[in-house]
């Protein structure tokens, strides 16, 4: 599991606990947590180290030392720290700021057959990891012997073999190459239920789920596509477009990923929803993500 963070020190301990609880549904070592911090001061990574406690021991430092980074655009060259002894393998990655860059930096050191990208303010339901494995046809979906699960740990030879996956076979065999969860917003009220319903209907029709629905990929497929495009916005939409163009199947799980309503509360529920619709529409009409990002930052600063 790869989590991009920016000044999330106040919630990183709870997030690590959430992942650890979900990982208990699979065999030990089947899940690893990769936290990619885009803040130069690394405040979230500092909070993560504190949360791991005295039992956490530094296992490796430096991307080259891990021997896990694939060749190509996903290599970040950033510092990586791996902690063990916590019950959950944890990688702390200092990455360039930008969600796409952070997720790619995290993916570069992840060692599993499946990569799941979780926003720091989103939570997954019970049974999420086995459901993802079943959906992608990995290890029978049980996390049993011979698989590494969600960004799971493995020996160096196994890792290199996974990185060598050309990402073609899933499309040929009909096995989904990627997927996402159904959207749920962590707030009461009719407006949020309408937003959820319309967003999930759009997902079913366009097969373009957003990042806050916890997108997941077969690792070979993700790397064959070059990872997330280096965009300041819409990287989650663009990678889904590229997935379709490459003829990879997408699966949408009925299980719900619950995302925080803080954006809607901070900016106003109606305003935030309309802004998101406008951004998506303008991007579909061909407006570059860089222009949309400048407009988004200006509007957010004026709110």
C-alpha atoms as a PDB file:
ATOM      1  CA  UNK A   1       0.000   0.000   0.000  1.00  0.00           C
ATOM      2  CA  UNK A   2       1.383   3.393  -1.041  1.00  0.00           C
ATOM      3  CA  UNK A   3       0.217   6.525   0.800  1.00  0.00           C
ATOM      4  CA  UNK A   4       1.231  10.010  -0.440  1.00  0.00           C
ATOM      5  CA  UNK A   5       1.279  12.505   2.428  1.00  0.00           C
ATOM      6  CA  UNK A   6       1.783  16.214   2.968  1.00  0.00           C
ATOM      7  CA  UNK A   7       1.671  17.562   6.544  1.00  0.00           C
ATOM      8  CA  UNK A   8      -0.365  14.583   7.775  1.00  0.00           C
ATOM      9  CA  UNK A   9       1.552  14.011  10.995  1.00  0.00           C
ATOM     10  CA  UNK A  10      -1.612  14.357  13.048  1.00  0.00           C
ATOM     11  CA  UNK A  11      -3.226  11.342  11.389  1.00  0.00           C
ATOM     12  CA  UNK A  12      -0.336   9.080  10.361  1.00  0.00           C
ATOM     13  CA  UNK A  13      -0.396   6.961  13.550  1.00  0.00           C
ATOM     14  CA  UNK A  14      -4.091   6.215  13.119  1.00  0.00           C
ATOM     15  CA  UNK A  15      -3.526   5.435   9.442  1.00  0.00           C
ATOM     16  CA  UNK A  16      -0.720   2.985  10.214  1.00  0.00           C
ATOM     17  CA  UNK A  17      -2.972   1.283  12.753  1.00  0.00           C
ATOM     18  CA  UNK A  18      -5.763   1.071  10.193  1.00  0.00           C
ATOM     19  CA  UNK A  19      -3.485  -0.616   7.647  1.00  0.00           C
ATOM     20  CA  UNK A  20      -2.105  -2.981  10.280  1.00  0.00           C
ATOM     21  CA  UNK A  21      -5.628  -4.067  11.269  1.00  0.00           C
ATOM     22  CA  UNK A  22      -6.580  -4.738   7.641  1.00  0.00           C
ATOM     23  CA  UNK A  23      -3.301  -6.582   7.035  1.00  0.00           C
ATOM     24  CA  UNK A  24      -4.211  -9.035   9.798  1.00  0.00           C
ATOM     25  CA  UNK A  25      -6.680 -10.597   7.347  1.00  0.00           C
ATOM     26  CA  UNK A  26      -3.729 -11.876   5.274  1.00  0.00           C
ATOM     27  CA  UNK A  27      -0.676 -13.950   6.240  1.00  0.00           C
ATOM     28  CA  UNK A  28       2.190 -12.114   7.960  1.00  0.00           C
ATOM     29  CA  UNK A  29       4.343 -10.141   5.542  1.00  0.00           C
ATOM     30  CA  UNK A  30       1.703 -10.086   2.809  1.00  0.00           C
ATOM     31  CA  UNK A  31       1.183  -6.343   3.173  1.00  0.00           C
ATOM     32  CA  UNK A  32       3.652  -3.492   3.431  1.00  0.00           C
ATOM     33  CA  UNK A  33       3.033   0.213   3.979  1.00  0.00           C
ATOM     34  CA  UNK A  34       4.942   2.775   1.920  1.00  0.00           C
ATOM     35  CA  UNK A  35       4.568   6.389   3.077  1.00  0.00           C
ATOM     36  CA  UNK A  36       5.806   8.967   0.555  1.00  0.00           C
ATOM     37  CA  UNK A  37       6.212  12.427   2.097  1.00  0.00           C
ATOM     38  CA  UNK A  38       6.336  15.416  -0.248  1.00  0.00           C
ATOM     39  CA  UNK A  39       7.169  17.988   2.439  1.00  0.00           C
ATOM     40  CA  UNK A  40      10.854  19.047   2.448  1.00  0.00           C
ATOM     41  CA  UNK A  41      10.856  19.120   6.244  1.00  0.00           C
ATOM     42  CA  UNK A  42       9.547  15.544   6.384  1.00  0.00           C
ATOM     43  CA  UNK A  43       7.197  16.250   9.273  1.00  0.00           C
ATOM     44  CA  UNK A  44       4.886  13.325   8.503  1.00  0.00           C
ATOM     45  CA  UNK A  45       7.798  10.880   8.331  1.00  0.00           C
ATOM     46  CA  UNK A  46       9.045  12.199  11.658  1.00  0.00           C
ATOM     47  CA  UNK A  47       5.613  11.595  13.175  1.00  0.00           C
ATOM     48  CA  UNK A  48       5.541   8.132  11.583  1.00  0.00           C
ATOM     49  CA  UNK A  49       8.864   7.197  13.157  1.00  0.00           C
ATOM     50  CA  UNK A  50       7.589   8.394  16.521  1.00  0.00           C
ATOM     51  CA  UNK A  51       4.371   6.417  16.067  1.00  0.00           C
ATOM     52  CA  UNK A  52       6.281   3.229  15.288  1.00  0.00           C
ATOM     53  CA  UNK A  53       7.940   3.511  18.652  1.00  0.00           C
ATOM     54  CA  UNK A  54      11.079   2.030  20.127  1.00  0.00           C
ATOM     55  CA  UNK A  55      10.410  -1.397  18.602  1.00  0.00           C
ATOM     56  CA  UNK A  56      10.978  -0.019  15.118  1.00  0.00           C
ATOM     57  CA  UNK A  57      14.489  -0.667  13.900  1.00  0.00           C
ATOM     58  CA  UNK A  58      16.058   0.921  10.839  1.00  0.00           C
ATOM     59  CA  UNK A  59      16.580  -1.823   8.266  1.00  0.00           C
ATOM     60  CA  UNK A  60      17.777  -0.005   5.148  1.00  0.00           C
ATOM     61  CA  UNK A  61      18.542   3.508   3.963  1.00  0.00           C
ATOM     62  CA  UNK A  62      18.802   4.778   0.402  1.00  0.00           C
ATOM     63  CA  UNK A  63      16.900   3.683  -2.682  1.00  0.00           C
ATOM     64  CA  UNK A  64      19.985   2.035  -4.178  1.00  0.00           C
ATOM     65  CA  UNK A  65      20.478   0.034  -0.980  1.00  0.00           C
ATOM     66  CA  UNK A  66      17.079  -1.623  -1.332  1.00  0.00           C
ATOM     67  CA  UNK A  67      17.820  -2.949  -4.836  1.00  0.00           C
ATOM     68  CA  UNK A  68      14.111  -2.643  -5.591  1.00  0.00           C
ATOM     69  CA  UNK A  69      13.792   0.370  -7.889  1.00  0.00           C
ATOM     70  CA  UNK A  70      12.871  -0.606 -11.452  1.00  0.00           C
ATOM     71  CA  UNK A  71      14.652   1.020 -14.361  1.00  0.00           C
ATOM     72  CA  UNK A  72      12.824   3.865 -16.074  1.00  0.00           C
ATOM     73  CA  UNK A  73      10.701   6.867 -15.088  1.00  0.00           C
ATOM     74  CA  UNK A  74       9.619   5.469 -11.715  1.00  0.00           C
ATOM     75  CA  UNK A  75      13.106   5.767 -10.196  1.00  0.00           C
ATOM     76  CA  UNK A  76      12.934   8.596  -7.677  1.00  0.00           C
ATOM     77  CA  UNK A  77      16.477   8.697  -6.355  1.00  0.00           C
ATOM     78  CA  UNK A  78      15.077   9.830  -3.017  1.00  0.00           C
ATOM     79  CA  UNK A  79      15.999   8.622   0.455  1.00  0.00           C
ATOM     80  CA  UNK A  80      14.182   5.535   1.661  1.00  0.00           C
ATOM     81  CA  UNK A  81      14.042   4.123   5.158  1.00  0.00           C
ATOM     82  CA  UNK A  82      12.616   0.710   5.940  1.00  0.00           C
ATOM     83  CA  UNK A  83      11.434  -0.079   9.451  1.00  0.00           C
ATOM     84  CA  UNK A  84      10.773  -3.536  10.811  1.00  0.00           C
ATOM     85  CA  UNK A  85       9.797  -5.040  14.127  1.00  0.00           C
ATOM     86  CA  UNK A  86       6.436  -3.250  14.155  1.00  0.00           C
ATOM     87  CA  UNK A  87       4.296  -6.126  12.849  1.00  0.00           C
ATOM     88  CA  UNK A  88       3.954  -4.334   9.513  1.00  0.00           C
ATOM     89  CA  UNK A  89       6.839  -3.614   7.105  1.00  0.00           C
ATOM     90  CA  UNK A  90       6.971   0.162   6.693  1.00  0.00           C
ATOM     91  CA  UNK A  91       8.935   2.167   4.143  1.00  0.00           C
ATOM     92  CA  UNK A  92       9.386   5.901   4.696  1.00  0.00           C
ATOM     93  CA  UNK A  93      10.123   7.708   1.416  1.00  0.00           C
ATOM     94  CA  UNK A  94      11.196  11.341   1.042  1.00  0.00           C
ATOM     95  CA  UNK A  95       9.783  12.317  -2.355  1.00  0.00           C
ATOM     96  CA  UNK A  96       9.405  15.405  -4.554  1.00  0.00           C
ATOM     97  CA  UNK A  97       6.215  17.290  -3.761  1.00  0.00           C
ATOM     98  CA  UNK A  98       3.235  16.436  -5.948  1.00  0.00           C
ATOM     99  CA  UNK A  99       0.817  13.560  -5.513  1.00  0.00           C
ATOM    100  CA  UNK A 100       1.788  11.815  -8.769  1.00  0.00           C
ATOM    101  CA  UNK A 101       5.508  12.115  -8.012  1.00  0.00           C
ATOM    102  CA  UNK A 102       5.039  10.892  -4.463  1.00  0.00           C
ATOM    103  CA  UNK A 103       2.982   7.888  -5.510  1.00  0.00           C
ATOM    104  CA  UNK A 104       5.532   6.974  -8.174  1.00  0.00           C
ATOM    105  CA  UNK A 105       8.368   7.298  -5.660  1.00  0.00           C
ATOM    106  CA  UNK A 106       6.495   4.980  -3.305  1.00  0.00           C
ATOM    107  CA  UNK A 107       5.740   2.513  -6.087  1.00  0.00           C
ATOM    108  CA  UNK A 108       9.435   2.417  -6.994  1.00  0.00           C
ATOM    109  CA  UNK A 109      10.276   0.719  -3.694  1.00  0.00           C
ATOM    110  CA  UNK A 110       7.097  -1.334  -3.238  1.00  0.00           C
ATOM    111  CA  UNK A 111       7.696  -5.065  -3.574  1.00  0.00           C
ATOM    112  CA  UNK A 112       4.300  -6.606  -4.153  1.00  0.00           C
ATOM    113  CA  UNK A 113       2.375  -8.046  -7.054  1.00  0.00           C
ATOM    114  CA  UNK A 114      -0.357  -5.507  -6.329  1.00  0.00           C
ATOM    115  CA  UNK A 115      -0.029  -1.767  -5.716  1.00  0.00           C
ATOM    116  CA  UNK A 116      -2.825  -0.015  -3.831  1.00  0.00           C
ATOM    117  CA  UNK A 117      -2.722   3.786  -3.537  1.00  0.00           C
ATOM    118  CA  UNK A 118      -4.541   5.242  -0.538  1.00  0.00           C
ATOM    119  CA  UNK A 119      -5.059   8.919   0.192  1.00  0.00           C
ATOM    120  CA  UNK A 120      -4.234   9.825   3.788  1.00  0.00           C
ATOM    121  CA  UNK A 121      -7.829  10.895   4.508  1.00  0.00           C
ATOM    122  CA  UNK A 122      -9.446   7.753   3.064  1.00  0.00           C
ATOM    123  CA  UNK A 123     -10.171   4.515   4.913  1.00  0.00           C
ATOM    124  CA  UNK A 124     -10.824   1.057   3.544  1.00  0.00           C
ATOM    125  CA  UNK A 125     -13.502  -1.414   4.666  1.00  0.00           C
ATOM    126  CA  UNK A 126     -12.920  -4.740   6.366  1.00  0.00           C
ATOM    127  CA  UNK A 127     -11.997  -7.386   3.849  1.00  0.00           C
ATOM    128  CA  UNK A 128     -10.463  -4.846   1.468  1.00  0.00           C
ATOM    129  CA  UNK A 129      -7.161  -6.620   0.845  1.00  0.00           C
ATOM    130  CA  UNK A 130      -8.569 -10.106   0.127  1.00  0.00           C
ATOM    131  CA  UNK A 131     -11.182  -8.498  -2.138  1.00  0.00           C
ATOM    132  CA  UNK A 132      -8.493  -6.700  -4.153  1.00  0.00           C
ATOM    133  CA  UNK A 133      -6.471  -9.890  -4.561  1.00  0.00           C
ATOM    134  CA  UNK A 134      -9.554 -11.807  -5.699  1.00  0.00           C
ATOM    135  CA  UNK A 135     -10.499  -9.064  -8.154  1.00  0.00           C
ATOM    136  CA  UNK A 136      -7.053  -9.097  -9.767  1.00  0.00           C
ATOM    137  CA  UNK A 137      -6.710 -12.877  -9.708  1.00  0.00           C
ATOM    138  CA  UNK A 138      -3.645 -12.843  -7.469  1.00  0.00           C
ATOM    139  CA  UNK A 139      -2.962 -15.974  -5.410  1.00  0.00           C
ATOM    140  CA  UNK A 140      -6.570 -17.037  -5.439  1.00  0.00           C
ATOM    141  CA  UNK A 141      -7.397 -13.885  -3.479  1.00  0.00           C
ATOM    142  CA  UNK A 142      -6.529 -15.448  -0.159  1.00  0.00           C
ATOM    143  CA  UNK A 143      -3.023 -14.158   0.397  1.00  0.00           C
ATOM    144  CA  UNK A 144      -1.860 -17.749   0.637  1.00  0.00           C
ATOM    145  CA  UNK A 145       1.527 -19.292   0.073  1.00  0.00           C
ATOM    146  CA  UNK A 146       3.575 -17.988  -2.839  1.00  0.00           C
ATOM    147  CA  UNK A 147       2.149 -14.493  -3.134  1.00  0.00           C
ATOM    148  CA  UNK A 148       3.192 -11.223  -1.608  1.00  0.00           C
ATOM    149  CA  UNK A 149      -0.169  -9.501  -1.507  1.00  0.00           C
ATOM    150  CA  UNK A 150      -0.624  -5.731  -1.368  1.00  0.00           C
ATOM    151  CA  UNK A 151       2.816  -4.218  -1.932  1.00  0.00           C
ATOM    152  CA  UNK A 152       3.994  -7.199   0.044  1.00  0.00           C
ATOM    153  CA  UNK A 153       7.498  -8.129   1.062  1.00  0.00           C
ATOM    154  CA  UNK A 154       9.607 -10.653  -0.822  1.00  0.00           C
ATOM    155  CA  UNK A 155      13.129 -11.762  -1.569  1.00  0.00           C
ATOM    156  CA  UNK A 156      15.235  -9.746  -3.977  1.00  0.00           C
ATOM    157  CA  UNK A 157      15.019 -12.319  -6.774  1.00  0.00           C
ATOM    158  CA  UNK A 158      11.247 -12.424  -6.494  1.00  0.00           C
ATOM    159  CA  UNK A 159      11.080  -8.645  -6.552  1.00  0.00           C
ATOM    160  CA  UNK A 160      13.139  -8.369  -9.722  1.00  0.00           C
ATOM    161  CA  UNK A 161      10.901 -10.913 -11.393  1.00  0.00           C
ATOM    162  CA  UNK A 162       7.835  -8.905 -10.517  1.00  0.00           C
ATOM    163  CA  UNK A 163       9.372  -5.698 -11.782  1.00  0.00           C
ATOM    164  CA  UNK A 164      10.117  -7.524 -15.020  1.00  0.00           C
ATOM    165  CA  UNK A 165       6.405  -8.258 -15.545  1.00  0.00           C
ATOM    166  CA  UNK A 166       5.553  -6.718 -18.927  1.00  0.00           C
ATOM    167  CA  UNK A 167       1.992  -5.923 -17.873  1.00  0.00           C
ATOM    168  CA  UNK A 168       0.553  -7.466 -21.040  1.00  0.00           C
ATOM    169  CA  UNK A 169      -0.753 -10.826 -19.880  1.00  0.00           C
ATOM    170  CA  UNK A 170      -3.668  -9.486 -17.758  1.00  0.00           C
ATOM    171  CA  UNK A 171      -5.176  -7.752 -20.782  1.00  0.00           C
ATOM    172  CA  UNK A 172      -4.749 -10.832 -22.951  1.00  0.00           C
ATOM    173  CA  UNK A 173      -6.213 -13.228 -20.396  1.00  0.00           C
ATOM    174  CA  UNK A 174      -9.135 -11.008 -19.447  1.00  0.00           C
ATOM    175  CA  UNK A 175      -7.917 -10.568 -15.862  1.00  0.00           C
ATOM    176  CA  UNK A 176      -8.400  -6.956 -14.691  1.00  0.00           C
ATOM    177  CA  UNK A 177      -5.249  -4.883 -14.635  1.00  0.00           C
ATOM    178  CA  UNK A 178      -6.570  -2.347 -12.144  1.00  0.00           C
ATOM    179  CA  UNK A 179      -9.556  -1.323 -10.100  1.00  0.00           C
ATOM    180  CA  UNK A 180     -10.987   0.880  -7.386  1.00  0.00           C
ATOM    181  CA  UNK A 181     -13.533   0.895  -4.592  1.00  0.00           C
ATOM    182  CA  UNK A 182     -16.984   2.445  -4.512  1.00  0.00           C
ATOM    183  CA  UNK A 183     -16.957   6.015  -3.184  1.00  0.00           C
ATOM    184  CA  UNK A 184     -18.378   6.907   0.216  1.00  0.00           C
ATOM    185  CA  UNK A 185     -18.085  10.293   1.956  1.00  0.00           C
ATOM    186  CA  UNK A 186     -17.654  10.437   5.717  1.00  0.00           C
ATOM    187  CA  UNK A 187     -20.455  12.896   6.461  1.00  0.00           C
ATOM    188  CA  UNK A 188     -24.222  12.758   7.018  1.00  0.00           C
ATOM    189  CA  UNK A 189     -26.718  14.585   4.847  1.00  0.00           C
ATOM    190  CA  UNK A 190     -28.705  14.240   1.650  1.00  0.00           C
ATOM    191  CA  UNK A 191     -26.212  16.320  -0.379  1.00  0.00           C
ATOM    192  CA  UNK A 192     -23.361  13.907   0.259  1.00  0.00           C
ATOM    193  CA  UNK A 193     -25.517  10.894  -0.578  1.00  0.00           C
ATOM    194  CA  UNK A 194     -26.418  12.535  -3.903  1.00  0.00           C
ATOM    195  CA  UNK A 195     -22.734  13.294  -4.599  1.00  0.00           C
ATOM    196  CA  UNK A 196     -21.834   9.671  -3.841  1.00  0.00           C
ATOM    197  CA  UNK A 197     -24.603   8.296  -6.053  1.00  0.00           C
ATOM    198  CA  UNK A 198     -23.742  10.521  -9.022  1.00  0.00           C
ATOM    199  CA  UNK A 199     -19.999   9.882  -8.667  1.00  0.00           C
ATOM    200  CA  UNK A 200     -20.482   6.120  -8.523  1.00  0.00           C
ATOM    201  CA  UNK A 201     -22.843   6.217 -11.511  1.00  0.00           C
ATOM    202  CA  UNK A 202     -20.239   8.201 -13.450  1.00  0.00           C
ATOM    203  CA  UNK A 203     -17.615   5.613 -12.516  1.00  0.00           C
ATOM    204  CA  UNK A 204     -19.747   2.775 -13.827  1.00  0.00           C
ATOM    205  CA  UNK A 205     -20.408   4.591 -17.103  1.00  0.00           C
ATOM    206  CA  UNK A 206     -16.963   6.083 -17.808  1.00  0.00           C
ATOM    207  CA  UNK A 207     -14.755   3.550 -15.961  1.00  0.00           C
ATOM    208  CA  UNK A 208     -12.713   6.461 -14.578  1.00  0.00           C
ATOM    209  CA  UNK A 209     -12.649   6.285 -10.763  1.00  0.00           C
ATOM    210  CA  UNK A 210     -10.843   9.001  -8.821  1.00  0.00           C
ATOM    211  CA  UNK A 211      -7.861   8.597  -6.532  1.00  0.00           C
ATOM    212  CA  UNK A 212      -9.966   8.955  -3.395  1.00  0.00           C
ATOM    213  CA  UNK A 213     -11.521   5.600  -4.279  1.00  0.00           C
ATOM    214  CA  UNK A 214      -8.210   3.832  -3.562  1.00  0.00           C
ATOM    215  CA  UNK A 215      -7.060   2.887  -7.042  1.00  0.00           C
ATOM    216  CA  UNK A 216      -5.156  -0.398  -7.254  1.00  0.00           C
ATOM    217  CA  UNK A 217      -3.126  -2.079  -9.997  1.00  0.00           C
ATOM    218  CA  UNK A 218      -1.287  -5.239 -10.857  1.00  0.00           C
ATOM    219  CA  UNK A 219       2.282  -4.024 -10.388  1.00  0.00           C
ATOM    220  CA  UNK A 220       3.367  -5.088 -13.875  1.00  0.00           C
ATOM    221  CA  UNK A 221       0.524  -3.158 -15.472  1.00  0.00           C
ATOM    222  CA  UNK A 222       1.282  -0.037 -13.450  1.00  0.00           C
ATOM    223  CA  UNK A 223       4.962  -0.073 -14.359  1.00  0.00           C
ATOM    224  CA  UNK A 224       4.317  -0.909 -18.021  1.00  0.00           C
ATOM    225  CA  UNK A 225       2.255   2.294 -18.221  1.00  0.00           C
ATOM    226  CA  UNK A 226       5.073   4.319 -16.669  1.00  0.00           C
ATOM    227  CA  UNK A 227       3.232   4.943 -13.413  1.00  0.00           C
ATOM    228  CA  UNK A 228       1.157   8.027 -12.766  1.00  0.00           C
ATOM    229  CA  UNK A 229       1.684  10.806 -15.330  1.00  0.00           C
ATOM    230  CA  UNK A 230       3.642  13.758 -13.948  1.00  0.00           C
ATOM    231  CA  UNK A 231       0.668  16.129 -13.725  1.00  0.00           C
ATOM    232  CA  UNK A 232      -0.214  18.626 -10.967  1.00  0.00           C
ATOM    233  CA  UNK A 233      -3.870  17.562 -11.205  1.00  0.00           C
ATOM    234  CA  UNK A 234      -5.885  14.795 -12.848  1.00  0.00           C
ATOM    235  CA  UNK A 235      -3.151  12.187 -12.608  1.00  0.00           C
ATOM    236  CA  UNK A 236      -5.768   9.731 -11.348  1.00  0.00           C
ATOM    237  CA  UNK A 237      -8.070  10.436 -14.296  1.00  0.00           C
ATOM    238  CA  UNK A 238      -5.270  10.281 -16.862  1.00  0.00           C
ATOM    239  CA  UNK A 239      -3.912   6.934 -15.717  1.00  0.00           C
ATOM    240  CA  UNK A 240      -7.398   5.438 -16.016  1.00  0.00           C
ATOM    241  CA  UNK A 241      -7.604   6.797 -19.569  1.00  0.00           C
ATOM    242  CA  UNK A 242      -4.263   5.204 -20.406  1.00  0.00           C
ATOM    243  CA  UNK A 243      -5.411   1.947 -18.856  1.00  0.00           C
ATOM    244  CA  UNK A 244      -8.402   1.850 -21.195  1.00  0.00           C
ATOM    245  CA  UNK A 245      -6.302   2.756 -24.234  1.00  0.00           C
ATOM    246  CA  UNK A 246      -4.002  -0.154 -23.396  1.00  0.00           C
ATOM    247  CA  UNK A 247      -7.075  -2.445 -23.356  1.00  0.00           C
ATOM    248  CA  UNK A 248      -6.671  -3.411 -19.722  1.00  0.00           C
ATOM    249  CA  UNK A 249      -9.830  -4.305 -17.890  1.00  0.00           C
ATOM    250  CA  UNK A 250     -10.912  -2.277 -14.860  1.00  0.00           C
ATOM    251  CA  UNK A 251     -12.842  -3.699 -11.927  1.00  0.00           C
ATOM    252  CA  UNK A 252     -14.982  -1.600  -9.579  1.00  0.00           C
ATOM    253  CA  UNK A 253     -15.570  -3.205  -6.193  1.00  0.00           C
ATOM    254  CA  UNK A 254     -18.868  -2.870  -4.375  1.00  0.00           C
ATOM    255  CA  UNK A 255     -16.940  -2.409  -1.130  1.00  0.00           C
ATOM    256  CA  UNK A 256     -16.825   1.262  -0.122  1.00  0.00           C
ATOM    257  CA  UNK A 257     -13.747   3.372   0.509  1.00  0.00           C
ATOM    258  CA  UNK A 258     -14.723   6.123   2.947  1.00  0.00           C
ATOM    259  CA  UNK A 259     -13.099   9.477   2.234  1.00  0.00           C
ATOM    260  CA  UNK A 260     -13.066  12.477   4.549  1.00  0.00           C
ATOM    261  CA  UNK A 261     -15.509  15.316   3.917  1.00  0.00           C
ATOM    262  CA  UNK A 262     -12.926  17.923   4.982  1.00  0.00           C
ATOM    263  CA  UNK A 263     -12.643  19.426   1.474  1.00  0.00           C
ATOM    264  CA  UNK A 264     -16.386  19.927   1.272  1.00  0.00           C
ATOM    265  CA  UNK A 265     -16.508  21.356   4.788  1.00  0.00           C
ATOM    266  CA  UNK A 266     -13.569  23.702   4.216  1.00  0.00           C
ATOM    267  CA  UNK A 267     -14.712  25.033   0.852  1.00  0.00           C
ATOM    268  CA  UNK A 268     -18.467  24.561   1.069  1.00  0.00           C
ATOM    269  CA  UNK A 269     -20.255  21.427  -0.105  1.00  0.00           C
ATOM    270  CA  UNK A 270     -21.909  22.904  -3.194  1.00  0.00           C
ATOM    271  CA  UNK A 271     -18.904  24.996  -4.215  1.00  0.00           C
ATOM    272  CA  UNK A 272     -16.486  22.097  -3.868  1.00  0.00           C
ATOM    273  CA  UNK A 273     -18.701  19.753  -5.873  1.00  0.00           C
ATOM    274  CA  UNK A 274     -19.257  22.238  -8.695  1.00  0.00           C
ATOM    275  CA  UNK A 275     -15.554  23.037  -8.841  1.00  0.00           C
ATOM    276  CA  UNK A 276     -14.710  19.348  -9.189  1.00  0.00           C
ATOM    277  CA  UNK A 277     -17.264  18.949 -11.968  1.00  0.00           C
ATOM    278  CA  UNK A 278     -15.848  21.967 -13.797  1.00  0.00           C
ATOM    279  CA  UNK A 279     -12.273  20.691 -13.504  1.00  0.00           C
ATOM    280  CA  UNK A 280     -13.212  17.281 -14.855  1.00  0.00           C
ATOM    281  CA  UNK A 281     -15.213  18.784 -17.728  1.00  0.00           C
ATOM    282  CA  UNK A 282     -12.474  21.222 -18.713  1.00  0.00           C
ATOM    283  CA  UNK A 283      -9.878  18.456 -18.654  1.00  0.00           C
ATOM    284  CA  UNK A 284     -12.112  16.289 -20.842  1.00  0.00           C
ATOM    285  CA  UNK A 285     -12.341  19.220 -23.287  1.00  0.00           C
ATOM    286  CA  UNK A 286      -8.573  19.353 -23.547  1.00  0.00           C
ATOM    287  CA  UNK A 287      -7.547  22.082 -21.093  1.00  0.00           C
ATOM    288  CA  UNK A 288      -4.027  21.199 -19.848  1.00  0.00           C
ATOM    289  CA  UNK A 289      -3.736  20.025 -16.249  1.00  0.00           C
ATOM    290  CA  UNK A 290      -1.111  22.715 -15.581  1.00  0.00           C
ATOM    291  CA  UNK A 291      -3.624  25.481 -16.385  1.00  0.00           C
ATOM    292  CA  UNK A 292      -6.315  23.783 -14.323  1.00  0.00           C
ATOM    293  CA  UNK A 293      -3.889  23.510 -11.385  1.00  0.00           C
ATOM    294  CA  UNK A 294      -3.180  27.271 -11.468  1.00  0.00           C
ATOM    295  CA  UNK A 295      -6.905  28.001 -11.579  1.00  0.00           C
ATOM    296  CA  UNK A 296      -7.566  25.525  -8.780  1.00  0.00           C
ATOM    297  CA  UNK A 297      -4.902  27.059  -6.523  1.00  0.00           C
ATOM    298  CA  UNK A 298      -6.162  30.581  -7.233  1.00  0.00           C
ATOM    299  CA  UNK A 299      -9.778  29.647  -6.477  1.00  0.00           C
ATOM    300  CA  UNK A 300      -8.782  27.734  -3.353  1.00  0.00           C
ATOM    301  CA  UNK A 301      -6.740  30.679  -2.096  1.00  0.00           C
ATOM    302  CA  UNK A 302      -9.672  33.013  -2.647  1.00  0.00           C
ATOM    303  CA  UNK A 303     -12.106  30.821  -0.729  1.00  0.00           C
END
